[in-house]
């Protein structure tokens, strides 16, 4: 079982990077259903933080998404 986050994803400072703020933390969403993530609506994502993952995005802790659903 993974961690669950809820919020409205927004575009990061780098093109193609989507971030989600939950409980004062900023996460970089990696994977998941992009149509739901980019919907502009509140979503609940399940997955796990990946501090070992290297990305080209300049914001947030990488969060590997395994499930996305509209909240």
N, C-alpha and C. Protein backbone atom coordinates (compact mmCIF):
# COMPACT_ATOMS: atom_id res chain seq x y z
N UNK A 1 0.84 -1.18 0.00
CA UNK A 1 0.00 0.00 0.00
C UNK A 1 0.88 1.24 0.00
N UNK A 2 0.44 2.28 -0.71
CA UNK A 2 1.24 3.49 -0.83
C UNK A 2 0.69 4.64 -0.01
N UNK A 3 1.22 5.79 -0.28
CA UNK A 3 0.79 7.02 0.34
C UNK A 3 -0.29 7.66 -0.52
N UNK A 4 -1.26 8.32 0.11
CA UNK A 4 -2.33 8.98 -0.62
C UNK A 4 -2.23 10.48 -0.41
N UNK A 5 -2.30 11.24 -1.53
CA UNK A 5 -2.26 12.69 -1.51
C UNK A 5 -3.51 13.22 -2.20
N UNK A 6 -4.01 14.37 -1.77
CA UNK A 6 -5.17 14.99 -2.40
C UNK A 6 -4.91 16.47 -2.61
N UNK A 7 -5.27 16.96 -3.80
CA UNK A 7 -5.12 18.37 -4.10
C UNK A 7 -5.39 18.62 -5.56
N UNK A 8 -5.17 19.86 -5.99
CA UNK A 8 -5.35 20.24 -7.39
C UNK A 8 -3.96 20.36 -8.02
N UNK A 9 -3.64 19.48 -8.97
CA UNK A 9 -2.33 19.56 -9.62
C UNK A 9 -2.20 20.87 -10.40
N UNK A 10 -0.98 21.37 -10.47
CA UNK A 10 -0.71 22.57 -11.24
C UNK A 10 0.60 22.41 -11.99
N UNK A 11 0.74 23.18 -13.05
CA UNK A 11 1.97 23.11 -13.83
C UNK A 11 3.13 23.67 -13.02
N UNK A 12 4.26 23.00 -13.11
CA UNK A 12 5.46 23.47 -12.43
C UNK A 12 6.16 24.52 -13.27
N UNK A 13 7.33 24.95 -12.82
CA UNK A 13 8.09 25.97 -13.55
C UNK A 13 8.71 25.43 -14.83
N UNK A 14 8.90 24.14 -14.92
CA UNK A 14 9.45 23.52 -16.12
C UNK A 14 8.32 22.91 -16.95
N UNK A 15 8.38 23.01 -18.29
CA UNK A 15 7.34 22.42 -19.14
C UNK A 15 7.18 20.92 -18.89
N UNK A 16 5.93 20.48 -18.82
CA UNK A 16 5.65 19.06 -18.65
C UNK A 16 5.72 18.55 -17.23
N UNK A 17 5.99 19.43 -16.29
CA UNK A 17 6.09 19.03 -14.89
C UNK A 17 4.81 19.41 -14.15
N UNK A 18 4.19 18.44 -13.49
CA UNK A 18 2.97 18.69 -12.73
C UNK A 18 3.27 18.49 -11.25
N UNK A 19 2.88 19.49 -10.45
CA UNK A 19 3.13 19.39 -9.02
C UNK A 19 1.79 19.35 -8.26
N UNK A 20 1.87 18.83 -7.06
CA UNK A 20 0.69 18.75 -6.19
C UNK A 20 1.13 19.12 -4.79
N UNK A 21 0.41 20.04 -4.17
CA UNK A 21 0.73 20.45 -2.80
C UNK A 21 -0.26 19.78 -1.87
N UNK A 22 0.27 19.12 -0.84
CA UNK A 22 -0.55 18.41 0.14
C UNK A 22 0.10 18.54 1.50
N UNK A 23 -0.65 19.05 2.47
CA UNK A 23 -0.18 19.18 3.85
C UNK A 23 1.16 19.91 3.94
N UNK A 24 1.30 21.00 3.19
CA UNK A 24 2.51 21.82 3.26
C UNK A 24 3.69 21.30 2.47
N UNK A 25 3.57 20.15 1.84
CA UNK A 25 4.64 19.57 1.04
C UNK A 25 4.31 19.73 -0.44
N UNK A 26 5.34 19.86 -1.26
CA UNK A 26 5.18 19.94 -2.70
C UNK A 26 5.75 18.67 -3.31
N UNK A 27 4.92 18.02 -4.15
CA UNK A 27 5.32 16.78 -4.80
C UNK A 27 5.29 16.95 -6.31
N UNK A 28 6.24 16.33 -6.98
CA UNK A 28 6.28 16.27 -8.43
C UNK A 28 5.63 14.96 -8.84
N UNK A 29 4.52 15.02 -9.56
CA UNK A 29 3.81 13.81 -9.94
C UNK A 29 4.48 13.15 -11.14
N UNK A 30 4.83 11.89 -10.98
CA UNK A 30 5.49 11.11 -12.02
C UNK A 30 4.61 9.92 -12.34
N UNK A 31 4.14 9.83 -13.59
CA UNK A 31 3.27 8.72 -13.99
C UNK A 31 1.82 9.04 -13.69
N UNK A 32 0.97 8.04 -13.82
CA UNK A 32 -0.46 8.23 -13.59
C UNK A 32 -1.18 8.68 -14.84
N UNK A 33 -2.50 8.72 -14.77
CA UNK A 33 -3.35 9.11 -15.88
C UNK A 33 -3.27 10.61 -16.08
N UNK A 34 -2.56 11.04 -17.12
CA UNK A 34 -2.34 12.47 -17.36
C UNK A 34 -3.62 13.23 -17.62
N UNK A 35 -4.64 12.58 -18.20
CA UNK A 35 -5.89 13.29 -18.46
C UNK A 35 -6.57 13.70 -17.16
N UNK A 36 -6.47 12.86 -16.14
CA UNK A 36 -7.03 13.21 -14.84
C UNK A 36 -6.15 14.22 -14.12
N UNK A 37 -4.85 14.02 -14.18
CA UNK A 37 -3.92 14.91 -13.48
C UNK A 37 -4.00 16.33 -14.05
N UNK A 38 -4.18 16.47 -15.36
CA UNK A 38 -4.23 17.79 -15.99
C UNK A 38 -5.66 18.33 -16.11
N UNK A 39 -6.61 17.74 -15.42
CA UNK A 39 -8.01 18.14 -15.54
C UNK A 39 -8.34 19.47 -14.89
N UNK A 40 -7.45 19.95 -14.00
CA UNK A 40 -7.74 21.18 -13.27
C UNK A 40 -8.68 20.97 -12.09
N UNK A 41 -8.97 19.71 -11.81
CA UNK A 41 -9.87 19.36 -10.71
C UNK A 41 -9.09 18.71 -9.57
N UNK A 42 -9.73 18.65 -8.40
CA UNK A 42 -9.10 18.00 -7.25
C UNK A 42 -9.00 16.50 -7.52
N UNK A 43 -7.81 15.96 -7.30
CA UNK A 43 -7.58 14.53 -7.49
C UNK A 43 -7.00 13.92 -6.23
N UNK A 44 -7.15 12.62 -6.12
CA UNK A 44 -6.49 11.84 -5.08
C UNK A 44 -5.54 10.90 -5.81
N UNK A 45 -4.26 10.97 -5.45
CA UNK A 45 -3.27 10.09 -6.06
C UNK A 45 -2.69 9.17 -5.01
N UNK A 46 -2.38 7.97 -5.42
CA UNK A 46 -1.75 6.99 -4.55
C UNK A 46 -0.42 6.59 -5.19
N UNK A 47 0.58 6.42 -4.37
CA UNK A 47 1.90 6.04 -4.86
C UNK A 47 2.91 6.15 -3.74
N UNK A 48 4.15 6.51 -4.13
CA UNK A 48 5.17 6.66 -3.10
C UNK A 48 6.19 7.71 -3.49
N UNK A 49 6.68 8.41 -2.49
CA UNK A 49 7.74 9.40 -2.69
C UNK A 49 9.01 8.68 -3.09
N UNK A 50 9.73 9.25 -4.04
CA UNK A 50 10.96 8.64 -4.55
C UNK A 50 12.12 9.64 -4.44
N UNK A 51 12.70 9.73 -3.26
CA UNK A 51 13.83 10.64 -3.07
C UNK A 51 15.05 10.23 -3.87
N UNK A 52 15.07 9.00 -4.37
CA UNK A 52 16.20 8.51 -5.15
C UNK A 52 16.04 8.78 -6.65
N UNK A 53 14.92 9.38 -7.07
CA UNK A 53 14.64 9.60 -8.49
C UNK A 53 15.18 10.96 -8.92
N UNK A 54 15.86 10.98 -10.06
CA UNK A 54 16.40 12.21 -10.63
C UNK A 54 15.46 12.67 -11.74
N UNK A 55 15.09 13.96 -11.73
CA UNK A 55 14.21 14.51 -12.76
C UNK A 55 14.79 15.83 -13.26
N UNK A 56 14.22 16.34 -14.35
CA UNK A 56 14.62 17.64 -14.87
C UNK A 56 13.74 18.75 -14.31
N UNK A 57 12.76 18.38 -13.51
CA UNK A 57 11.87 19.37 -12.90
C UNK A 57 12.54 19.95 -11.66
N UNK A 58 12.28 21.22 -11.43
CA UNK A 58 12.98 21.92 -10.36
C UNK A 58 12.16 22.06 -9.07
N UNK A 59 11.02 21.41 -9.01
CA UNK A 59 10.15 21.58 -7.85
C UNK A 59 9.71 20.24 -7.30
N UNK A 60 9.56 20.18 -6.01
CA UNK A 60 8.91 19.06 -5.36
C UNK A 60 9.70 17.78 -5.26
N UNK A 61 9.24 16.95 -4.35
CA UNK A 61 9.77 15.61 -4.18
C UNK A 61 9.10 14.70 -5.22
N UNK A 62 9.88 13.96 -6.02
CA UNK A 62 9.25 13.06 -6.98
C UNK A 62 8.31 12.08 -6.28
N UNK A 63 7.10 11.93 -6.84
CA UNK A 63 6.10 11.04 -6.28
C UNK A 63 5.60 10.14 -7.41
N UNK A 64 5.97 8.87 -7.34
CA UNK A 64 5.61 7.89 -8.37
C UNK A 64 4.15 7.48 -8.17
N UNK A 65 3.29 7.88 -9.11
CA UNK A 65 1.85 7.67 -9.01
C UNK A 65 1.48 6.29 -9.55
N UNK A 66 0.74 5.53 -8.75
CA UNK A 66 0.24 4.23 -9.18
C UNK A 66 -1.25 4.25 -9.46
N UNK A 67 -1.97 5.25 -8.88
CA UNK A 67 -3.42 5.36 -9.09
C UNK A 67 -3.83 6.82 -8.97
N UNK A 68 -4.76 7.23 -9.85
CA UNK A 68 -5.32 8.58 -9.81
C UNK A 68 -6.84 8.47 -9.89
N UNK A 69 -7.52 9.26 -9.07
CA UNK A 69 -8.98 9.33 -9.18
C UNK A 69 -9.43 10.73 -8.82
N UNK A 70 -10.53 11.16 -9.42
CA UNK A 70 -11.08 12.47 -9.09
C UNK A 70 -11.63 12.41 -7.67
N UNK A 71 -11.37 13.45 -6.91
CA UNK A 71 -11.82 13.48 -5.51
C UNK A 71 -13.22 14.04 -5.42
